[in-house]
Amino acid sequence: MNLVLDHLRLNYGANPALDLPRLTLDAGATAVLGPNGSGKSTLLRMVATVAGPNSGEIHLAVFQAGCGSTNTWTMPPR
């Protein structure tokens, strides 16, 4: 599994909550660390599709064992 966050932005009103140029995560455990107000919960809400970005894309590629193919899903901006 491969998760790619590309030019992800989300604002709450005029306040930027998250501005992430690019992040690629491979399968495995990942920790999200940072100070209060840095966008950790916002990032996780977008990855879980609870919140959509104002701009940018979320790509999820899943390799299906046994059939040798990869399915890709992209969450469009809202």
N, C-alpha and C. Protein backbone atom coordinates (compact mmCIF):
# COMPACT_ATOMS: atom_id res chain seq x y z
N MET A 1 0.85 -1.17 0.00
CA MET A 1 0.00 0.00 0.00
C MET A 1 0.90 1.23 0.00
N ASN A 2 0.49 2.24 -0.71
CA ASN A 2 1.25 3.47 -0.83
C ASN A 2 0.27 4.64 -0.73
N LEU A 3 0.53 5.59 0.15
CA LEU A 3 -0.31 6.77 0.32
C LEU A 3 0.50 7.99 -0.06
N VAL A 4 -0.03 8.79 -1.00
CA VAL A 4 0.66 10.00 -1.45
C VAL A 4 -0.26 11.19 -1.23
N LEU A 5 0.23 12.19 -0.50
CA LEU A 5 -0.49 13.44 -0.29
C LEU A 5 0.26 14.49 -1.10
N ASP A 6 -0.43 15.12 -2.03
CA ASP A 6 0.22 16.00 -3.00
C ASP A 6 -0.40 17.39 -2.95
N HIS A 7 0.41 18.39 -2.56
CA HIS A 7 -0.02 19.80 -2.49
C HIS A 7 -1.31 19.96 -1.70
N LEU A 8 -1.37 19.35 -0.53
CA LEU A 8 -2.57 19.33 0.29
C LEU A 8 -2.69 20.60 1.11
N ARG A 9 -3.86 21.26 1.01
CA ARG A 9 -4.13 22.47 1.78
C ARG A 9 -5.55 22.42 2.32
N LEU A 10 -5.69 22.92 3.55
CA LEU A 10 -7.01 23.07 4.14
C LEU A 10 -7.00 24.30 5.01
N ASN A 11 -7.99 25.15 4.83
CA ASN A 11 -8.16 26.35 5.64
C ASN A 11 -9.45 26.22 6.43
N TYR A 12 -9.43 26.75 7.65
CA TYR A 12 -10.65 26.94 8.43
C TYR A 12 -10.91 28.44 8.40
N GLY A 13 -11.81 28.86 7.53
CA GLY A 13 -12.03 30.29 7.30
C GLY A 13 -10.79 30.86 6.64
N ALA A 14 -10.24 31.91 7.22
CA ALA A 14 -9.02 32.52 6.68
C ALA A 14 -7.76 31.91 7.27
N ASN A 15 -7.93 30.99 8.23
CA ASN A 15 -6.78 30.40 8.92
C ASN A 15 -6.32 29.11 8.25
N PRO A 16 -5.05 29.04 7.82
CA PRO A 16 -4.54 27.79 7.24
C PRO A 16 -4.38 26.73 8.34
N ALA A 17 -4.99 25.58 8.14
CA ALA A 17 -4.87 24.47 9.09
C ALA A 17 -3.80 23.48 8.67
N LEU A 18 -3.59 23.36 7.35
CA LEU A 18 -2.60 22.42 6.85
C LEU A 18 -2.13 22.87 5.48
N ASP A 19 -0.82 22.86 5.28
CA ASP A 19 -0.21 23.17 3.98
C ASP A 19 0.94 22.20 3.81
N LEU A 20 0.72 21.14 3.04
CA LEU A 20 1.67 20.04 2.92
C LEU A 20 2.05 19.88 1.46
N PRO A 21 3.28 20.26 1.06
CA PRO A 21 3.68 20.16 -0.35
C PRO A 21 3.60 18.72 -0.89
N ARG A 22 4.20 17.76 -0.20
CA ARG A 22 4.15 16.37 -0.66
C ARG A 22 4.60 15.45 0.48
N LEU A 23 3.87 14.35 0.62
CA LEU A 23 4.23 13.34 1.61
C LEU A 23 3.88 11.98 1.03
N THR A 24 4.83 11.06 1.05
CA THR A 24 4.61 9.69 0.57
C THR A 24 4.85 8.74 1.72
N LEU A 25 3.86 7.87 1.99
CA LEU A 25 3.98 6.88 3.05
C LEU A 25 3.82 5.49 2.46
N ASP A 26 4.73 4.60 2.79
CA ASP A 26 4.63 3.21 2.37
C ASP A 26 3.95 2.42 3.49
N ALA A 27 3.66 1.16 3.21
CA ALA A 27 3.00 0.30 4.20
C ALA A 27 3.84 0.22 5.46
N GLY A 28 3.17 0.13 6.59
CA GLY A 28 3.85 0.03 7.87
C GLY A 28 3.30 1.05 8.84
N ALA A 29 3.89 1.09 10.01
CA ALA A 29 3.45 2.01 11.05
C ALA A 29 4.07 3.39 10.84
N THR A 30 3.28 4.42 11.06
CA THR A 30 3.75 5.80 10.94
C THR A 30 3.23 6.59 12.13
N ALA A 31 4.07 7.37 12.75
CA ALA A 31 3.66 8.25 13.85
C ALA A 31 3.54 9.67 13.33
N VAL A 32 2.51 10.36 13.76
CA VAL A 32 2.31 11.76 13.40
C VAL A 32 2.55 12.58 14.67
N LEU A 33 3.63 13.34 14.67
CA LEU A 33 4.05 14.10 15.85
C LEU A 33 4.12 15.57 15.53
N GLY A 34 3.85 16.41 16.51
CA GLY A 34 3.98 17.85 16.34
C GLY A 34 3.31 18.58 17.49
N PRO A 35 3.57 19.88 17.60
CA PRO A 35 2.97 20.66 18.67
C PRO A 35 1.48 20.89 18.45
N ASN A 36 0.81 21.40 19.48
CA ASN A 36 -0.61 21.73 19.36
C ASN A 36 -0.82 22.70 18.20
N GLY A 37 -1.88 22.46 17.42
CA GLY A 37 -2.22 23.36 16.33
C GLY A 37 -1.40 23.19 15.07
N SER A 38 -0.62 22.11 14.97
CA SER A 38 0.24 21.94 13.79
C SER A 38 -0.44 21.20 12.65
N GLY A 39 -1.68 20.70 12.85
CA GLY A 39 -2.41 20.06 11.76
C GLY A 39 -2.45 18.55 11.80
N LYS A 40 -2.04 17.94 12.90
CA LYS A 40 -2.02 16.48 13.00
C LYS A 40 -3.41 15.89 12.83
N SER A 41 -4.37 16.37 13.60
CA SER A 41 -5.74 15.85 13.52
C SER A 41 -6.36 16.17 12.17
N THR A 42 -6.08 17.33 11.63
CA THR A 42 -6.60 17.70 10.32
C THR A 42 -6.07 16.75 9.25
N LEU A 43 -4.78 16.43 9.30
CA LEU A 43 -4.18 15.48 8.36
C LEU A 43 -4.87 14.12 8.46
N LEU A 44 -5.05 13.62 9.68
CA LEU A 44 -5.66 12.31 9.86
C LEU A 44 -7.13 12.31 9.42
N ARG A 45 -7.84 13.42 9.65
CA ARG A 45 -9.23 13.52 9.19
C ARG A 45 -9.31 13.47 7.66
N MET A 46 -8.35 14.08 6.98
CA MET A 46 -8.35 14.04 5.51
C MET A 46 -8.00 12.66 5.00
N VAL A 47 -7.03 12.00 5.60
CA VAL A 47 -6.65 10.65 5.17
C VAL A 47 -7.82 9.68 5.40
N ALA A 48 -8.59 9.90 6.47
CA ALA A 48 -9.74 9.05 6.77
C ALA A 48 -10.98 9.46 5.96
N THR A 49 -10.86 10.47 5.13
CA THR A 49 -11.92 11.02 4.28
C THR A 49 -13.07 11.63 5.07
N VAL A 50 -12.82 12.01 6.32
CA VAL A 50 -13.83 12.72 7.12
C VAL A 50 -13.87 14.18 6.70
N ALA A 51 -12.74 14.73 6.31
CA ALA A 51 -12.64 16.10 5.83
C ALA A 51 -11.93 16.08 4.48
N GLY A 52 -12.34 16.96 3.60
CA GLY A 52 -11.69 17.06 2.29
C GLY A 52 -10.80 18.28 2.23
N PRO A 53 -9.75 18.24 1.43
CA PRO A 53 -8.85 19.38 1.31
C PRO A 53 -9.48 20.50 0.48
N ASN A 54 -9.03 21.74 0.70
CA ASN A 54 -9.42 22.85 -0.17
C ASN A 54 -8.73 22.72 -1.52
N SER A 55 -7.51 22.20 -1.51
CA SER A 55 -6.80 21.94 -2.76
C SER A 55 -5.81 20.81 -2.51
N GLY A 56 -5.34 20.21 -3.58
CA GLY A 56 -4.42 19.10 -3.49
C GLY A 56 -5.14 17.77 -3.68
N GLU A 57 -4.38 16.71 -3.62
CA GLU A 57 -4.93 15.38 -3.86
C GLU A 57 -4.37 14.38 -2.87
N ILE A 58 -5.20 13.35 -2.59
CA ILE A 58 -4.80 12.21 -1.77
C ILE A 58 -4.90 10.98 -2.66
N HIS A 59 -3.79 10.29 -2.85
CA HIS A 59 -3.76 9.09 -3.69
C HIS A 59 -3.46 7.88 -2.80
N LEU A 60 -4.26 6.84 -2.97
CA LEU A 60 -4.04 5.60 -2.24
C LEU A 60 -3.91 4.48 -3.26
N ALA A 61 -2.75 3.84 -3.28
CA ALA A 61 -2.52 2.72 -4.20
C ALA A 61 -2.42 1.45 -3.39
N VAL A 62 -3.24 0.47 -3.74
CA VAL A 62 -3.27 -0.80 -3.03
C VAL A 62 -2.93 -1.91 -4.00
N PHE A 63 -1.90 -2.69 -3.69
CA PHE A 63 -1.52 -3.83 -4.52
C PHE A 63 -2.31 -5.04 -4.07
N GLN A 64 -2.97 -5.70 -5.01
CA GLN A 64 -3.77 -6.87 -4.70
C GLN A 64 -2.93 -8.12 -4.94
N ALA A 65 -2.59 -8.78 -3.85
CA ALA A 65 -1.80 -10.01 -3.96
C ALA A 65 -2.60 -11.09 -4.66
N GLY A 66 -1.95 -11.87 -5.48
CA GLY A 66 -2.61 -12.97 -6.18
C GLY A 66 -3.06 -12.61 -7.58
N CYS A 67 -3.36 -11.34 -7.82
CA CYS A 67 -3.79 -10.98 -9.19
C CYS A 67 -2.79 -10.05 -9.85
N GLY A 68 -1.79 -9.59 -9.09
CA GLY A 68 -0.71 -8.80 -9.68
C GLY A 68 -1.12 -7.43 -10.18
N SER A 69 -2.20 -6.85 -9.64
CA SER A 69 -2.63 -5.53 -10.11
C SER A 69 -2.65 -4.54 -8.96
N THR A 70 -2.70 -3.26 -9.30
CA THR A 70 -2.75 -2.19 -8.32
C THR A 70 -3.99 -1.35 -8.57
N ASN A 71 -4.77 -1.12 -7.54
CA ASN A 71 -5.92 -0.22 -7.62
C ASN A 71 -5.52 1.10 -7.00
N THR A 72 -5.88 2.20 -7.65
CA THR A 72 -5.55 3.53 -7.13
C THR A 72 -6.83 4.31 -6.92
N TRP A 73 -6.93 4.98 -5.78
CA TRP A 73 -8.07 5.81 -5.44
C TRP A 73 -7.56 7.21 -5.19
N THR A 74 -8.24 8.22 -5.71
CA THR A 74 -7.85 9.61 -5.50
C THR A 74 -9.03 10.36 -4.93
N MET A 75 -8.79 11.07 -3.83
CA MET A 75 -9.81 11.92 -3.23
C MET A 75 -9.67 13.30 -3.83
N PRO A 76 -10.69 13.78 -4.54
CA PRO A 76 -10.60 15.12 -5.14
C PRO A 76 -10.79 16.20 -4.09
N PRO A 77 -10.33 17.43 -4.37
CA PRO A 77 -10.58 18.54 -3.44
C PRO A 77 -12.08 18.81 -3.38
N ARG A 78 -12.51 19.41 -2.27
CA ARG A 78 -13.94 19.74 -2.16
C ARG A 78 -14.25 21.05 -2.78
